């Protein structure tokens, strides 16, 4: 995505062109929704957090200083919107529409979907700092430096949170595998 285009659109919006903000939304809504879904673990919550993020960006657009890319600034707003929503709920809930029966047959689409649900549950169970760092890096594709800007922490802290978050995810997923019945080879 072209960061210069974002800055042009933002400038047009600040000059009174509401259509420019709509174009900014269109450029970023899929990535923001995807990030929100990974952080909240729930489609409805992700939609709410995405909407909250864009409303906040609309209201705070004049406060954008341009010290980071517009997308980085927007990610920070989205992460905050997700965490605000989760704090209000005080728990993580997965949508009933993503609950799938776990199957272990190779190439099984339902089994693969179930694995994604398990990863989503494990991600939602991480402490917020780890969850945000892992989601921003591994799912949203942000570089360490961008995550440091989004979260307002040092680069080393970002790397540490991602490493620790991944280790916790691996432990949770290994425990899940330990609970699954083993398949006998015939």
Protein backbone atom coordinates (compact mmCIF):
# COMPACT_ATOMS: atom_id res chain seq x y z
CA UNK A 1 0.00 0.00 0.00
CA UNK A 2 1.30 3.44 -0.90
CA UNK A 3 1.86 5.53 2.27
CA UNK A 4 2.12 8.71 0.21
CA UNK A 5 -1.38 8.10 -1.14
CA UNK A 6 -2.65 7.83 2.45
CA UNK A 7 -1.09 11.19 3.30
CA UNK A 8 -2.64 12.81 0.22
CA UNK A 9 -6.05 11.39 1.11
CA UNK A 10 -5.71 12.51 4.72
CA UNK A 11 -4.77 16.02 3.61
CA UNK A 12 -7.79 16.11 1.30
CA UNK A 13 -10.02 14.93 4.15
CA UNK A 14 -8.66 17.64 6.47
CA UNK A 15 -9.46 20.18 3.76
CA UNK A 16 -13.11 19.08 3.83
CA UNK A 17 -13.30 16.19 1.35
CA UNK A 18 -15.25 13.50 3.24
CA UNK A 19 -14.90 11.17 0.27
CA UNK A 20 -11.16 11.08 0.89
CA UNK A 21 -11.73 9.55 4.32
CA UNK A 22 -14.07 6.98 2.77
CA UNK A 23 -11.25 6.04 0.39
CA UNK A 24 -8.84 5.74 3.34
CA UNK A 25 -11.31 3.40 5.00
CA UNK A 26 -11.63 1.31 1.86
CA UNK A 27 -7.85 1.05 1.60
CA UNK A 28 -7.42 -0.18 5.18
CA UNK A 29 -10.66 -1.80 6.35
CA UNK A 30 -9.74 -5.38 5.43
CA UNK A 31 -6.43 -5.27 7.30
CA UNK A 32 -7.96 -3.52 10.31
CA UNK A 33 -10.85 -6.00 10.44
CA UNK A 34 -8.46 -8.95 10.12
CA UNK A 35 -6.33 -7.60 12.95
CA UNK A 36 -9.43 -6.94 15.08
CA UNK A 37 -10.70 -10.47 14.45
CA UNK A 38 -7.38 -11.96 15.56
CA UNK A 39 -7.27 -9.84 18.70
CA UNK A 40 -10.91 -10.20 19.74
CA UNK A 41 -11.53 -13.74 18.51
CA UNK A 42 -15.09 -12.84 17.56
CA UNK A 43 -16.49 -11.61 14.24
CA UNK A 44 -19.10 -9.35 15.80
CA UNK A 45 -16.57 -7.82 18.19
CA UNK A 46 -14.12 -7.37 15.33
CA UNK A 47 -16.74 -5.49 13.34
CA UNK A 48 -17.48 -3.28 16.34
CA UNK A 49 -13.78 -2.64 17.01
CA UNK A 50 -13.15 -1.86 13.33
CA UNK A 51 -16.01 0.61 13.33
CA UNK A 52 -14.79 2.15 16.59
CA UNK A 53 -11.28 2.45 15.15
CA UNK A 54 -12.46 4.30 12.06
CA UNK A 55 -14.75 6.57 14.06
CA UNK A 56 -11.82 7.41 16.35
CA UNK A 57 -9.53 8.00 13.35
CA UNK A 58 -12.16 10.28 11.82
CA UNK A 59 -12.42 12.30 15.02
CA UNK A 60 -8.65 12.37 15.68
CA UNK A 61 -7.47 12.96 12.11
CA UNK A 62 -6.26 16.48 12.93
CA UNK A 63 -4.09 15.02 15.69
CA UNK A 64 -2.13 12.88 13.20
CA UNK A 65 1.38 14.35 13.25
CA UNK A 66 2.89 12.33 10.45
CA UNK A 67 5.73 11.00 12.62
CA UNK A 68 4.78 7.49 11.50
CA UNK A 69 2.88 6.19 8.50
CA UNK A 70 -0.88 6.72 8.54
CA UNK A 71 -1.34 2.93 8.57
CA UNK A 72 0.83 2.61 11.69
CA UNK A 73 -1.21 5.32 13.41
CA UNK A 74 -4.41 3.54 12.36
CA UNK A 75 -3.15 0.19 13.68
CA UNK A 76 -2.51 1.80 17.06
CA UNK A 77 -6.06 3.14 17.13
CA UNK A 78 -7.41 -0.29 16.10
CA UNK A 79 -5.42 -2.14 18.79
CA UNK A 80 -6.69 0.33 21.38
CA UNK A 81 -10.27 -0.10 20.13
CA UNK A 82 -9.95 -3.88 20.42
CA UNK A 83 -8.48 -3.74 23.89
CA UNK A 84 -11.14 -1.24 25.03
CA UNK A 85 -13.86 -3.53 23.76
CA UNK A 86 -12.32 -6.57 25.43
CA UNK A 87 -11.92 -4.71 28.71
CA UNK A 88 -15.61 -3.86 28.58
CA UNK A 89 -16.51 -7.49 27.99
CA UNK A 90 -13.93 -8.71 30.53
CA UNK A 91 -13.69 -12.02 28.77
CA UNK A 92 -12.94 -13.52 25.39
CA UNK A 93 -15.68 -15.30 23.52
CA UNK A 94 -15.52 -17.09 20.22
CA UNK A 95 -18.52 -16.85 17.95
CA UNK A 96 -20.75 -19.88 17.83
CA UNK A 97 -20.43 -19.79 14.06
CA UNK A 98 -16.73 -20.71 14.26
CA UNK A 99 -17.21 -23.67 16.61
CA UNK A 100 -16.35 -26.72 14.53
CA UNK A 101 -15.93 -30.39 15.37
CA UNK A 102 -12.22 -31.23 15.54
CA UNK A 103 -11.13 -33.89 13.07
CA UNK A 104 -7.59 -35.08 12.58
CA UNK A 105 -7.66 -36.63 9.10
CA UNK A 106 -4.96 -35.19 6.81
CA UNK A 107 -6.35 -32.77 4.25
CA UNK A 108 -9.59 -32.46 6.19
CA UNK A 109 -10.96 -28.97 5.66
CA UNK A 110 -13.03 -29.06 8.86
CA UNK A 111 -9.96 -30.21 10.80
CA UNK A 112 -7.91 -27.35 9.38
CA UNK A 113 -10.67 -24.91 10.29
CA UNK A 114 -10.78 -26.39 13.78
CA UNK A 115 -7.03 -25.89 14.08
CA UNK A 116 -7.50 -22.21 13.17
CA UNK A 117 -10.16 -21.95 15.87
CA UNK A 118 -7.74 -23.49 18.38
CA UNK A 119 -5.04 -20.99 17.40
CA UNK A 120 -7.57 -18.18 17.67
CA UNK A 121 -8.59 -19.34 21.15
CA UNK A 122 -4.97 -19.62 22.25
CA UNK A 123 -4.20 -16.17 20.86
CA UNK A 124 -7.19 -14.72 22.71
CA UNK A 125 -5.93 -16.31 25.93
CA UNK A 126 -2.54 -14.58 25.74
CA UNK A 127 -1.86 -11.53 27.92
CA UNK A 128 -2.88 -8.41 25.93
CA UNK A 129 0.69 -7.16 25.39
CA UNK A 130 1.79 -10.49 23.93
CA UNK A 131 -1.42 -10.95 21.93
CA UNK A 132 -1.13 -7.49 20.38
CA UNK A 133 2.53 -7.92 19.45
CA UNK A 134 2.02 -11.39 17.94
CA UNK A 135 -1.12 -10.31 16.05
CA UNK A 136 0.55 -7.18 14.68
CA UNK A 137 3.66 -9.06 13.55
CA UNK A 138 2.52 -12.51 12.53
CA UNK A 139 -0.99 -11.73 11.35
CA UNK A 140 -0.91 -8.10 10.22
CA UNK A 141 2.64 -8.29 8.87
CA UNK A 142 4.03 -5.23 10.62
CA UNK A 143 7.78 -4.94 11.13
CA UNK A 144 9.20 -4.80 14.65
CA UNK A 145 9.87 -1.06 14.29
CA UNK A 146 6.28 -0.40 13.26
CA UNK A 147 4.97 -2.41 16.20
CA UNK A 148 7.17 -0.35 18.53
CA UNK A 149 5.55 2.78 17.10
CA UNK A 150 2.04 1.35 17.35
CA UNK A 151 2.43 0.12 20.91
CA UNK A 152 4.70 2.87 22.19
CA UNK A 153 7.34 0.51 23.59
CA UNK A 154 11.00 -0.08 22.84
CA UNK A 155 12.09 -2.34 19.98
CA UNK A 156 13.60 -4.88 22.38
CA UNK A 157 10.33 -5.07 24.28
CA UNK A 158 8.47 -5.78 21.04
CA UNK A 159 10.85 -8.61 20.16
CA UNK A 160 10.56 -10.03 23.67
CA UNK A 161 6.75 -9.89 23.64
CA UNK A 162 6.58 -11.62 20.28
CA UNK A 163 9.00 -14.33 21.38
CA UNK A 164 7.25 -14.94 24.69
CA UNK A 165 3.82 -14.80 23.06
CA UNK A 166 4.82 -17.38 20.46
CA UNK A 167 6.23 -19.67 23.17
CA UNK A 168 3.00 -19.42 25.18
CA UNK A 169 0.96 -20.11 22.05
CA UNK A 170 3.07 -23.18 21.30
CA UNK A 171 2.62 -24.48 24.87
CA UNK A 172 -1.14 -23.97 24.73
CA UNK A 173 -1.40 -25.72 21.37
CA UNK A 174 0.80 -28.60 22.55
CA UNK A 175 -1.48 -29.05 25.56
CA UNK A 176 -4.43 -29.16 23.21
CA UNK A 177 -2.71 -31.90 21.19
CA UNK A 178 -2.03 -33.84 24.42
CA UNK A 179 -5.78 -33.84 25.10
CA UNK A 180 -6.65 -35.24 21.67
CA UNK A 181 -7.06 -39.02 21.37
CA UNK A 182 -4.16 -40.61 19.54
CA UNK A 183 -4.79 -42.30 16.24
CA UNK A 184 -3.79 -45.90 15.87
CA UNK A 185 -1.88 -46.80 12.75
CA UNK A 186 -3.38 -49.78 10.94
